[in-house]
Structure formats: C-alpha cells, structure tokens
Protein backbone atom coordinates (compact mmCIF):
# COMPACT_ATOMS: atom_id res chain seq x y z
CA MET A 1 -0.09 0.01 -0.04
CA LYS A 2 1.28 3.34 -1.05
CA GLU A 3 0.65 6.55 0.61
CA LEU A 4 -0.21 9.52 -1.38
CA ALA A 5 0.65 12.80 0.07
CA ASP A 6 -1.82 15.71 -1.00
CA LYS A 7 -2.53 18.72 0.92
CA PRO A 8 -1.49 19.01 4.56
CA SER A 9 -5.25 18.42 5.54
CA TYR A 10 -5.48 15.09 4.25
CA ILE A 11 -3.65 11.89 3.08
CA ILE A 12 -4.82 9.44 0.25
CA GLU A 13 -3.83 5.70 0.71
CA LEU A 14 -3.42 3.96 -2.22
CA LEU A 15 -4.50 0.31 -1.91
CA GLU A 16 -2.12 -2.16 -3.54
CA GLY A 17 -1.43 -5.94 -3.29
CA GLY A 18 -4.73 -7.11 -2.01
CA PHE A 19 -5.00 -4.46 0.69
CA THR A 20 -8.48 -3.44 1.57
CA LEU A 21 -10.49 -0.68 3.12
CA GLU A 22 -10.74 -2.87 6.28
CA ASP A 23 -7.00 -3.12 6.30
CA VAL A 24 -7.11 0.82 6.45
CA ILE A 25 -9.34 0.72 9.31
CA ASP A 26 -7.45 -2.27 11.16
CA GLY A 27 -4.09 -0.15 11.02
CA HIS A 28 -5.51 3.13 12.29
CA ILE A 29 -7.14 1.24 15.02
CA SER A 30 -3.73 -0.36 15.84
CA GLU A 31 -2.39 3.24 16.04
CA GLN A 32 -5.01 4.52 18.23
CA SER A 33 -4.78 1.65 20.39
CA LEU A 34 -1.24 2.89 21.39
CA VAL A 35 -2.27 6.42 21.95
CA GLU A 36 -5.72 8.07 22.93
CA LYS A 37 -8.02 5.69 21.27
CA SER A 38 -9.60 8.50 19.56
CA ALA A 39 -12.57 8.02 16.94
CA PHE A 40 -11.75 8.85 13.37
CA VAL A 41 -13.33 8.36 10.04
CA VAL A 42 -12.28 6.54 6.79
CA GLY A 43 -13.19 7.72 3.46
CA ASP A 44 -13.41 5.46 0.45
CA LEU A 45 -12.82 7.76 -2.56
CA GLY A 46 -13.52 4.67 -4.68
CA ALA A 47 -17.19 4.74 -3.54
CA LEU A 48 -17.67 8.20 -5.00
CA MET A 49 -16.50 6.97 -8.37
CA ARG A 50 -18.83 3.98 -8.18
CA GLN A 51 -21.82 5.90 -7.11
CA HIS A 52 -21.04 8.49 -10.00
CA MET A 53 -20.82 5.51 -12.77
CA CYS A 54 -24.09 4.15 -11.03
CA TRP A 55 -25.94 7.54 -11.61
CA GLN A 56 -24.68 7.62 -15.17
CA SER A 57 -25.76 4.34 -16.19
CA VAL A 58 -29.26 4.59 -14.53
CA VAL A 59 -30.33 8.24 -15.02
CA PRO A 60 -27.65 9.73 -17.59
CA PRO A 61 -30.31 12.49 -18.69
CA VAL A 62 -30.33 13.92 -15.11
CA GLN A 63 -27.41 16.13 -14.37
CA PRO A 64 -26.18 15.57 -10.81
CA TYR A 65 -25.76 18.67 -8.71
CA TYR A 66 -24.24 18.02 -5.35
CA PRO A 67 -25.40 19.68 -2.24
CA VAL A 68 -22.39 21.04 -0.45
CA LYS A 69 -24.00 20.88 3.12
CA CYS A 70 -24.10 16.99 2.76
CA ASN A 71 -20.42 16.77 3.39
CA SER A 72 -18.09 19.74 2.47
CA SER A 73 -14.66 17.79 2.95
CA PRO A 74 -12.32 19.52 0.41
CA LEU A 75 -11.19 16.26 -1.08
CA VAL A 76 -14.72 15.13 -1.80
CA ILE A 77 -15.46 18.68 -3.52
CA GLU A 78 -12.18 18.28 -5.55
CA VAL A 79 -13.30 14.68 -6.76
CA LEU A 80 -16.98 15.59 -7.50
CA ALA A 81 -15.78 18.94 -9.34
CA SER A 82 -13.44 16.68 -11.38
CA LEU A 83 -16.32 14.41 -12.32
CA GLY A 84 -18.19 17.42 -13.53
CA LEU A 85 -21.02 17.65 -10.92
CA GLY A 86 -22.69 20.91 -10.35
CA PHE A 87 -23.04 22.47 -6.72
CA ILE A 88 -25.78 23.49 -4.64
CA CYS A 89 -24.60 25.97 -2.20
CA ALA A 90 -26.49 27.47 0.80
CA ASN A 91 -24.16 30.24 1.90
CA LYS A 92 -21.15 32.28 1.05
CA ASN A 93 -18.82 29.88 2.59
CA GLU A 94 -19.92 27.03 0.40
CA VAL A 95 -19.74 29.06 -2.57
CA SER A 96 -16.22 30.15 -1.71
CA LEU A 97 -15.30 26.41 -1.17
CA VAL A 98 -16.53 25.41 -4.55
CA LEU A 99 -14.95 28.18 -6.30
CA ASP A 100 -11.60 27.55 -4.86
CA HIS A 101 -11.89 24.07 -6.44
CA GLY A 102 -12.12 25.49 -10.01
CA VAL A 103 -15.96 24.85 -10.32
CA PRO A 104 -17.18 27.36 -13.13
CA PRO A 105 -19.79 29.81 -11.73
CA GLU A 106 -22.59 28.62 -14.28
CA ASN A 107 -22.36 25.15 -12.59
CA ILE A 108 -23.12 26.72 -9.09
CA ILE A 109 -26.77 27.34 -7.72
CA LEU A 110 -27.32 29.31 -4.59
CA SER A 111 -29.98 27.72 -2.61
CA SER A 112 -31.45 28.33 0.82
CA ALA A 113 -34.72 29.56 1.57
CA PHE A 114 -33.55 32.66 3.44
CA LYS A 115 -30.30 33.92 1.99
CA GLN A 116 -28.00 36.27 3.85
CA LEU A 117 -27.33 39.52 2.15
CA ALA A 118 -23.54 38.87 1.88
CA ALA A 119 -24.32 35.66 0.40
CA ILE A 120 -26.47 37.25 -2.53
CA LYS A 121 -23.84 39.87 -2.92
CA TYR A 122 -20.78 37.40 -3.12
CA ALA A 123 -22.98 35.48 -5.76
CA ALA A 124 -23.28 38.52 -7.82
CA LYS A 125 -19.78 39.58 -7.52
CA ASN A 126 -18.50 36.09 -8.75
CA ASN A 127 -21.10 36.05 -11.52
CA ILE A 128 -23.14 33.17 -9.96
CA GLN A 129 -26.54 33.61 -11.49
CA HIS A 130 -28.54 30.74 -10.79
CA LEU A 131 -30.68 31.27 -7.45
CA VAL A 132 -33.29 29.51 -5.93
CA CYS A 133 -36.31 31.27 -4.59
CA GLU A 134 -39.53 30.71 -2.83
CA ASN A 135 -41.11 33.79 -1.54
CA GLU A 136 -41.74 37.52 -2.18
CA VAL A 137 -39.21 38.86 0.46
CA GLU A 138 -36.52 36.93 -1.29
CA LEU A 139 -37.48 38.33 -4.57
CA SER A 140 -37.00 41.76 -3.23
CA LYS A 141 -33.58 41.19 -1.80
CA ILE A 142 -32.51 39.69 -4.92
CA ALA A 143 -33.71 42.27 -7.15
CA ARG A 144 -31.83 44.79 -4.95
CA LEU A 145 -28.69 42.96 -4.69
CA HIS A 146 -28.37 40.69 -7.78
CA PRO A 147 -30.81 42.11 -10.36
CA ASP A 148 -29.05 39.77 -13.30
CA ALA A 149 -29.96 36.60 -11.24
CA LYS A 150 -31.64 33.64 -13.04
CA LEU A 151 -34.26 32.46 -10.55
CA LEU A 152 -35.55 28.72 -9.92
CA LEU A 153 -38.80 28.86 -8.26
CA GLN A 154 -38.85 26.33 -5.26
CA MET A 155 -42.29 24.61 -5.19
CA THR A 156 -43.82 22.71 -2.35
CA THR A 157 -44.74 18.99 -2.60
CA GLU A 158 -47.59 16.88 -1.05
CA ALA A 159 -44.76 14.21 -0.09
CA HIS A 160 -42.60 16.86 1.62
CA ALA A 161 -45.50 18.54 3.33
CA ALA A 162 -46.51 15.09 4.74
CA GLU A 163 -42.90 14.57 6.23
CA THR A 164 -42.69 17.97 7.98
CA SER A 165 -44.67 20.59 9.49
CA MET A 166 -42.16 23.34 8.45
CA ALA A 167 -43.01 25.34 5.37
CA PHE A 168 -41.03 24.65 2.55
CA GLY A 169 -41.46 25.82 -0.91
CA SER A 170 -44.39 27.68 -2.63
CA SER A 171 -47.70 26.28 -3.38
CA LEU A 172 -48.79 26.42 -7.04
CA LYS A 173 -51.12 29.31 -6.39
CA SER A 174 -48.13 31.43 -5.06
CA CYS A 175 -45.87 30.62 -7.77
CA ARG A 176 -48.38 32.49 -10.15
CA HIS A 177 -48.12 35.47 -7.87
CA LEU A 178 -44.01 35.03 -7.66
CA LEU A 179 -43.78 34.78 -11.46
CA GLU A 180 -45.87 38.02 -11.71
CA ARG A 181 -43.74 39.85 -9.10
CA ALA A 182 -40.46 38.85 -10.51
CA LYS A 183 -41.74 40.37 -13.89
CA GLU A 184 -42.61 43.64 -12.13
CA LEU A 185 -39.22 43.56 -10.41
CA GLY A 186 -37.40 42.91 -13.85
CA LEU A 187 -35.97 39.63 -12.61
CA GLN A 188 -35.60 36.44 -14.78
CA VAL A 189 -37.25 33.10 -13.75
CA VAL A 190 -35.75 30.23 -15.89
CA GLY A 191 -37.14 27.05 -14.13
CA ALA A 192 -38.67 25.31 -11.06
CA ALA A 193 -37.41 23.16 -8.37
CA PHE A 194 -38.98 20.70 -6.01
CA HIS A 195 -38.21 17.78 -3.34
CA ILE A 196 -39.30 14.52 -2.75
CA PRO A 197 -38.09 12.88 0.36
CA SER A 198 -36.51 9.53 0.57
CA SER A 199 -39.14 8.38 2.97
CA CYS A 200 -41.71 8.80 0.44
CA HIS A 201 -43.54 5.41 -0.02
CA ASP A 202 -45.35 6.06 -3.24
CA LEU A 203 -42.81 7.47 -5.70
CA GLN A 204 -45.21 7.36 -8.79
CA GLN A 205 -48.16 9.49 -7.03
CA ALA A 206 -45.42 11.93 -5.45
CA TYR A 207 -43.57 12.76 -8.76
CA THR A 208 -46.84 12.76 -10.81
CA HIS A 209 -48.24 15.65 -8.55
CA ALA A 210 -44.82 17.53 -8.50
CA LEU A 211 -44.13 17.25 -12.33
CA SER A 212 -47.75 18.19 -12.84
CA ASP A 213 -47.34 21.23 -10.91
CA ALA A 214 -43.74 22.02 -12.44
CA ARG A 215 -45.49 21.77 -15.91
CA CYS A 216 -47.91 24.41 -14.97
CA VAL A 217 -45.17 26.74 -13.43
CA PHE A 218 -43.17 26.48 -16.77
CA ASP A 219 -46.45 27.24 -18.63
CA MET A 220 -46.99 30.28 -16.50
CA GLY A 221 -43.67 31.45 -16.86
CA ALA A 222 -43.70 31.11 -20.42
CA ASP A 223 -46.91 33.26 -20.65
CA LEU A 224 -45.25 35.88 -18.96
CA GLY A 225 -42.19 35.83 -21.32
CA PHE A 226 -39.56 33.93 -19.26
CA ASN A 227 -37.34 31.31 -20.68
CA MET A 228 -38.19 28.37 -18.73
CA HIS A 229 -35.52 25.64 -19.39
CA ILE A 230 -34.24 24.34 -16.02
CA LEU A 231 -36.10 21.82 -13.87
CA ASP A 232 -34.71 20.65 -10.37
CA ILE A 233 -36.11 17.27 -9.10
CA GLY A 234 -34.26 17.69 -5.68
CA GLY A 235 -32.76 14.88 -3.64
CA GLY A 236 -34.40 12.18 -1.79
CA PHE A 237 -31.86 9.56 -3.16
CA THR A 238 -30.74 6.98 -0.42
CA GLY A 239 -27.63 5.73 -2.30
CA SER A 240 -29.14 2.28 -3.03
CA GLU A 241 -29.22 1.59 -6.77
CA PHE A 242 -32.51 -0.46 -6.45
CA GLN A 243 -33.99 2.90 -5.05
CA LEU A 244 -32.43 4.89 -7.87
CA LYS A 245 -33.79 2.68 -10.43
CA GLN A 246 -37.34 2.93 -8.90
CA VAL A 247 -37.05 6.88 -8.98
CA GLU A 248 -36.06 6.51 -12.60
CA SER A 249 -38.81 4.13 -13.65
CA ALA A 250 -41.22 6.86 -11.95
CA ILE A 251 -39.95 9.96 -13.62
CA ARG A 252 -39.04 8.81 -17.22
CA PRO A 253 -42.56 8.44 -18.46
CA LEU A 254 -43.87 11.47 -16.53
CA LEU A 255 -40.87 13.62 -18.12
CA ASP A 256 -41.94 12.21 -21.53
CA ALA A 257 -45.66 13.17 -20.77
CA TYR A 258 -45.23 16.56 -19.13
CA PHE A 259 -41.94 17.85 -20.96
CA PRO A 260 -42.06 16.14 -24.11
CA GLN A 261 -39.68 18.59 -25.99
CA ARG A 262 -36.82 18.72 -23.90
CA ALA A 263 -34.31 20.12 -26.54
CA GLY A 264 -32.41 22.98 -24.67
CA MET A 265 -33.89 21.96 -21.34
CA GLN A 266 -31.71 20.98 -18.30
CA VAL A 267 -33.15 18.50 -15.87
CA LEU A 268 -30.98 18.08 -12.78
CA ALA A 269 -31.26 16.59 -9.09
CA GLN A 270 -29.24 16.90 -5.74
CA PRO A 271 -28.09 13.27 -5.11
CA GLY A 272 -26.12 14.18 -1.94
CA SER A 273 -26.49 11.08 0.08
CA PHE A 274 -26.46 8.82 -2.94
CA TYR A 275 -22.98 9.91 -3.48
CA MET A 276 -21.78 10.26 0.36
CA ALA A 277 -23.29 7.78 2.36
CA SER A 278 -21.38 4.60 1.58
CA ALA A 279 -18.25 6.59 1.27
CA PHE A 280 -17.32 7.17 4.82
CA SER A 281 -17.03 4.90 7.90
CA LEU A 282 -16.64 5.87 11.42
CA ALA A 283 -14.66 4.00 14.02
CA VAL A 284 -15.49 4.69 17.75
CA ASN A 285 -14.08 3.13 21.03
CA VAL A 286 -16.22 1.89 23.90
CA ILE A 287 -15.34 3.88 27.03
CA GLY A 288 -18.05 2.74 29.45
CA LYS A 289 -20.49 0.01 30.13
CA LYS A 290 -23.71 -0.54 32.25
CA VAL A 291 -25.39 -3.60 32.97
CA VAL A 292 -29.21 -3.59 33.46
CA ASN A 293 -31.22 -6.40 34.58
CA ARG A 294 -34.83 -6.00 33.55
CA HIS A 295 -37.50 -8.35 35.22
CA TRP A 296 -40.64 -9.20 33.37
CA ASN A 297 -43.58 -11.51 34.33
CA SER A 298 -44.28 -14.57 31.83
CA LEU A 299 -48.24 -14.23 31.13
CA SER A 300 -48.19 -17.79 30.08
CA GLN A 301 -46.52 -19.40 32.83
CA GLY A 302 -46.95 -16.89 35.62
CA GLU A 303 -43.02 -16.86 36.04
CA LYS A 304 -40.69 -14.07 36.66
CA ASN A 305 -37.92 -13.95 34.01
CA GLU A 306 -34.70 -11.61 33.89
CA ASP A 307 -33.35 -10.20 30.88
CA THR A 308 -29.74 -8.55 30.78
CA GLU A 309 -29.32 -5.46 28.96
CA PHE A 310 -26.09 -3.56 28.27
CA LEU A 311 -25.66 0.39 28.09
CA TYR A 312 -22.48 1.04 26.09
CA TYR A 313 -20.93 4.48 26.22
CA MET A 314 -18.78 5.78 23.27
CA ASN A 315 -16.40 8.37 22.68
CA GLU A 316 -18.47 10.24 20.33
CA GLY A 317 -22.14 10.87 20.15
CA VAL A 318 -25.02 13.04 18.76
CA TYR A 319 -23.14 16.43 19.67
CA GLY A 320 -20.63 15.07 17.36
CA PRO A 321 -20.66 12.98 14.30
CA PHE A 322 -24.04 11.30 15.17
CA SER A 323 -25.76 14.95 15.19
CA HIS A 324 -28.11 13.60 12.30
CA LYS A 325 -29.79 11.66 15.05
CA LEU A 326 -31.03 14.93 16.58
CA LEU A 327 -32.80 15.58 13.32
CA GLY A 328 -34.76 12.58 13.44
CA ASN A 329 -32.53 10.32 11.24
CA PRO A 330 -32.03 6.71 12.59
CA ILE A 331 -28.65 5.51 13.25
CA ALA A 332 -28.18 1.81 12.13
CA GLY A 333 -26.46 -0.61 14.60
CA PRO A 334 -22.63 -0.90 14.17
CA SER A 335 -20.39 -4.02 13.52
CA VAL A 336 -17.91 -5.02 16.22
CA HIS A 337 -14.40 -4.79 14.96
CA LYS A 338 -12.60 -7.91 14.38
CA ARG A 339 -15.51 -9.80 15.91
CA VAL A 340 -17.11 -12.65 13.81
CA LEU A 341 -20.33 -13.99 15.49
CA CYS A 342 -20.31 -17.87 15.92
CA ALA A 343 -23.62 -19.35 15.64
CA ASP A 344 -23.92 -20.30 19.18
CA GLU A 345 -22.70 -16.97 20.62
CA ALA A 346 -24.97 -15.15 22.95
CA VAL A 347 -26.25 -11.36 22.00
CA TYR A 348 -27.95 -9.12 24.15
CA PRO A 349 -30.20 -6.31 24.02
CA SER A 350 -28.03 -3.18 23.92
CA SER A 351 -28.28 0.57 23.51
CA LEU A 352 -25.42 3.01 22.50
CA TRP A 353 -24.63 6.35 24.02
CA GLY A 354 -22.37 9.28 23.73
CA PRO A 355 -20.10 10.48 26.39
CA SER A 356 -22.14 13.60 27.65
CA LEU A 357 -24.30 11.58 29.95
CA ASP A 358 -27.30 13.83 28.50
CA GLN A 359 -30.55 11.84 28.00
CA LEU A 360 -30.56 13.06 24.39
CA ASP A 361 -27.27 11.40 23.55
CA GLN A 362 -28.60 8.07 22.69
CA VAL A 363 -27.01 7.11 19.43
CA VAL A 364 -28.81 3.65 19.02
CA GLU A 365 -31.89 2.77 20.92
CA HIS A 366 -31.93 -0.91 20.52
CA CYS A 367 -29.71 -3.45 18.63
CA LEU A 368 -28.30 -7.01 19.37
CA LEU A 369 -24.66 -7.33 20.26
CA PRO A 370 -22.32 -9.62 21.93
CA GLU A 371 -21.18 -8.57 25.29
CA LEU A 372 -18.50 -6.05 24.82
CA SER A 373 -15.64 -4.80 26.79
CA VAL A 374 -14.35 -1.25 27.41
CA GLY A 375 -11.73 -0.58 24.77
CA ASP A 376 -13.61 -2.33 21.95
CA TRP A 377 -14.16 -0.64 18.69
CA LEU A 378 -17.37 -0.18 16.95
CA LEU A 379 -17.70 0.45 13.15
CA PHE A 380 -20.55 2.68 11.71
CA SER A 381 -21.01 2.45 8.05
CA ASN A 382 -22.90 4.74 5.69
CA MET A 383 -21.65 7.76 7.75
CA GLY A 384 -20.84 10.25 4.53
CA ALA A 385 -23.80 12.25 4.72
CA CYS A 386 -23.79 13.33 8.28
CA GLY A 387 -23.76 17.05 7.12
CA LEU A 388 -20.79 18.02 9.26
CA ASP A 389 -17.79 19.99 7.84
CA GLU A 390 -15.00 17.41 8.15
CA PHE A 391 -16.75 15.59 10.95
CA GLY A 392 -16.15 18.36 13.17
CA CYS A 393 -17.90 18.10 16.52
CA LEU A 394 -21.01 20.47 17.46
CA SER A 395 -19.37 20.27 20.89
CA GLY A 396 -16.29 22.41 19.88
CA SER A 397 -13.98 19.84 20.12
CA SER A 398 -11.28 19.24 17.66
CA GLN A 399 -12.12 17.74 14.41
CA LEU A 400 -12.09 13.95 13.90
CA PRO A 401 -9.23 12.70 11.84
CA VAL A 402 -10.25 11.61 8.37
CA TYR A 403 -8.22 9.19 6.39
CA TYR A 404 -8.90 8.51 2.60
CA ALA A 405 -8.19 5.42 0.73
CA ILE A 406 -8.77 4.23 -2.77
CA SER A 407 -7.75 0.79 -4.77
CA THR A 408 -5.60 1.07 -7.45
CA SER A 409 -8.51 -0.04 -9.85
CA ASP A 410 -10.58 2.78 -8.64
CA TRP A 411 -7.67 5.20 -8.88
CA TYR A 412 -7.07 4.38 -12.62
CA GLU A 413 -10.87 4.38 -13.35
CA MET A 414 -10.86 8.10 -11.92
CA GLN A 415 -7.97 9.12 -14.02
CA GLU A 416 -9.72 7.68 -17.16
CA ALA A 417 -12.71 9.66 -16.22
CA GLY A 418 -10.86 12.92 -15.94
CA VAL A 419 -10.18 13.05 -12.00
CA ALA A 420 -7.06 14.99 -11.78
CA LEU A 421 -5.67 14.98 -8.11
CA ASP A 422 -2.45 16.02 -9.53
CA THR A 423 -1.09 17.39 -6.05
CA ALA A 424 -1.78 13.83 -4.61
CA MET A 425 0.74 12.25 -6.93
CA LYS A 426 3.69 14.30 -5.81
CA ASN A 427 4.99 12.15 -3.14
CA PHE A 428 4.99 8.50 -2.41
CA SER A 429 5.96 6.51 0.62
CA VAL A 430 5.38 2.85 1.30
CA LEU A 431 2.74 2.15 4.01
CA GLN A 432 2.00 -1.27 5.20
CA TYR A 433 -0.16 -2.77 7.88
CA SER A 434 0.44 -5.82 9.89
CA ALA A 435 -2.12 -8.32 9.60
C-alpha cells in the first residue's frame, strides 16, 4: 500500500497488493490503541466513483448537482468537481469553497430559503447567476442586490409537506404570484425546483403531482415571457441502486408526458446522500459500560424472568458525528471490529450512548450485540452524509481525523474519467499494515 501525500489536511492511501479498506481501518485502530483511542473516519474515494458510474448508467439525462451541506470535505469537492458535477450551495462559505476548486460559476446554484445579504452579494460579484427563491421577500432582496440573477422557483410538494410541519417551497397558487412579482421587478425566472423525500412510499404519485405542478409553473412562466428551461427534481436519493432505479422508472414516463420537448432543457437533481453515504465509515471506541437486569412476568406461565441489557458509552455521540440523530434520522447498529459472531454466541439487547451523559445523547436505542468490553471498537458504515464539515464536533472539540483510501483499480478509473488530483501524486512512501 502506498501513501499519496496531498494537501497537509489529508492523506490518500493507495491500496495495492490485495490490501482493502478493512486493512486501513485495522491499521488506524492499531495506531489509536497505542495512544488516545480517539474516534476517526475512513473515506473510500472509490465509492464516489462507483456511485457516479451508477448514476450515469441509470439516469444519464439527469445532471447531478451536489449539495455541499451534505459533506463539505475539500477532497470530496475536488473529486466531484473533477467528475463534472454541479454544486448546490447554501451560503457564502460553501460558494467560496466550490469556487476555490475551480468549479465554473455556471455550475453553481445558490440555494437556501432565506439567504444572507452577503451571500447574494458574493454570488453577484462572482457571476453566479442561478439562485433558488420561494417567497416574495427573497425576490425583493435579490432584485436589489443581484438584478441579473436567473431564478428557480422552489415549489412545495405533498410528499414533503406530509413529512414535516415546516413550510418549504411555494404552492402552485403562490408561484403564479411570484412569477408576476418577478416580472414587475425585472428579474428573470428560468425554471422550477421541488423535492421528494427519501421516506416517500409512493414515488409514482409523488412525482406525478410534482411534475404536473412543475409543468404548470413552466407554462405560467412562458406566458409571462420567461425562458423556462431548468427543472430541478431535488434530492431524496438514498444511495441504493435499487431505489435509484425506482425513481428512474417513476420519472421517465412522466418527463416524457409533461416535458416532451426537452431540447435545450436542463433536468438536474441533488443526489447528496447517494454519493456520500457509503463512502465514509466511522470508528468509535467503547469507553464505558453498564449492565441492567430487567425483570418481567411471563403471562403464559406466571413466572418471573430476567433479561440482561447492556448500555455502552462511546467516545462520540449526537453532539459530534452522530448529530443527524437529533434531526430524526435513525442510526443503524454497528459492527464490532475484529469480531465474527459464532452461530451459538449469545447476543444481548444493547443501547449505545455518547459520552455526555445527556438523555438526548442516545445514538442507537436498541440493537443486539455480543457482550463488549471497554476498549472495544465499533464501526458505523454509511456515515458520509452526516452534514458536518469534515466531521467536526458540534460540541467544539477538535475535528475527527479523516483518512482517505482508494484501490489502484478505482484510482485508474478516476484518471480515465478525468479526475486529476495532481497534487496527490507528488510524493510516494510505502505504508504497510501488519495483519
């Protein structure tokens, strides 16, 4: 295995000679076992490439725009920019980050329901013309600070409204008013955007309503003289190829029905979790343990029974890399490092907690695990879309170290696809892990 030295902020480990991502994790756990046993993250850059190839094979007409808030690691931005993705930015800092990686302004969309004035001014200064808008107050701000902007109207959808009580987007009736107001202010509206959440159970119905409404917005805009040519179908992509194919089978006939003439039209989506989730794994250490014996009565026999439950405390929790748990996103149970369960090995009801002793700091409410010891390591997969900047902790503690790896085959595929991480190729040194 070779170590590719890039910028001082990260190292890319090139996997050769049968080495795998598991070897990378094993090596860093061995290092941490000799020092502070700090949690760390391992990113598989090859997963980004594989997800990109999957996207292109399943939905090639839909251009991916990556929402930076999903994971703003500079190396992630560099790879996705090299793959030709567009970017959805919510604020000035995200716009600056993307511009620093050479993304052309025409491939950047400034989103966010309520934009800071500084962000709008920064977009205007850097010739970023595409902005998302969903209310009249934002229209007035944009007209004053960025009169050359090209707007996408953010529409509400029934699927998203059913998921949250928070207002998101404009109704079809409100879109008519916003289009007319934009005309009065001398602004250009060029398209519409909507979002179907990944939790939606009836994709066909949800996309039918959303694309029907989008067609109405396009027609209303055209009646007012706007050049309507951009349709953003939003996010809601889990990272599963199966789910992506479900979405594709739902939208393909609808796009043909509602937008039969698509010459010169741009259809885009925001597959943040699709690209990120499987690319990062988090390793945490068990720092504490409690045993709880719970008594219950057997109704069938009238006997008293006793169950053993374990509460494990980890060195990271919801005020760190598991913060998305506070937003209602469940955390899947982890695997135990270097532990292969035998068929007859006992497992116990377990819950996993962060280190704060706060009642909110419960990472996993219930899972079945073998009995663990303090010092054991737990591995959480699919942690790439946690929404934190380089996995920094909300509690203000130092950022978690992130180690990047890629197999030689994935590296060569990236090179063939035009990914040019030239600075990463300057220095080589051999890095070997013991078994």
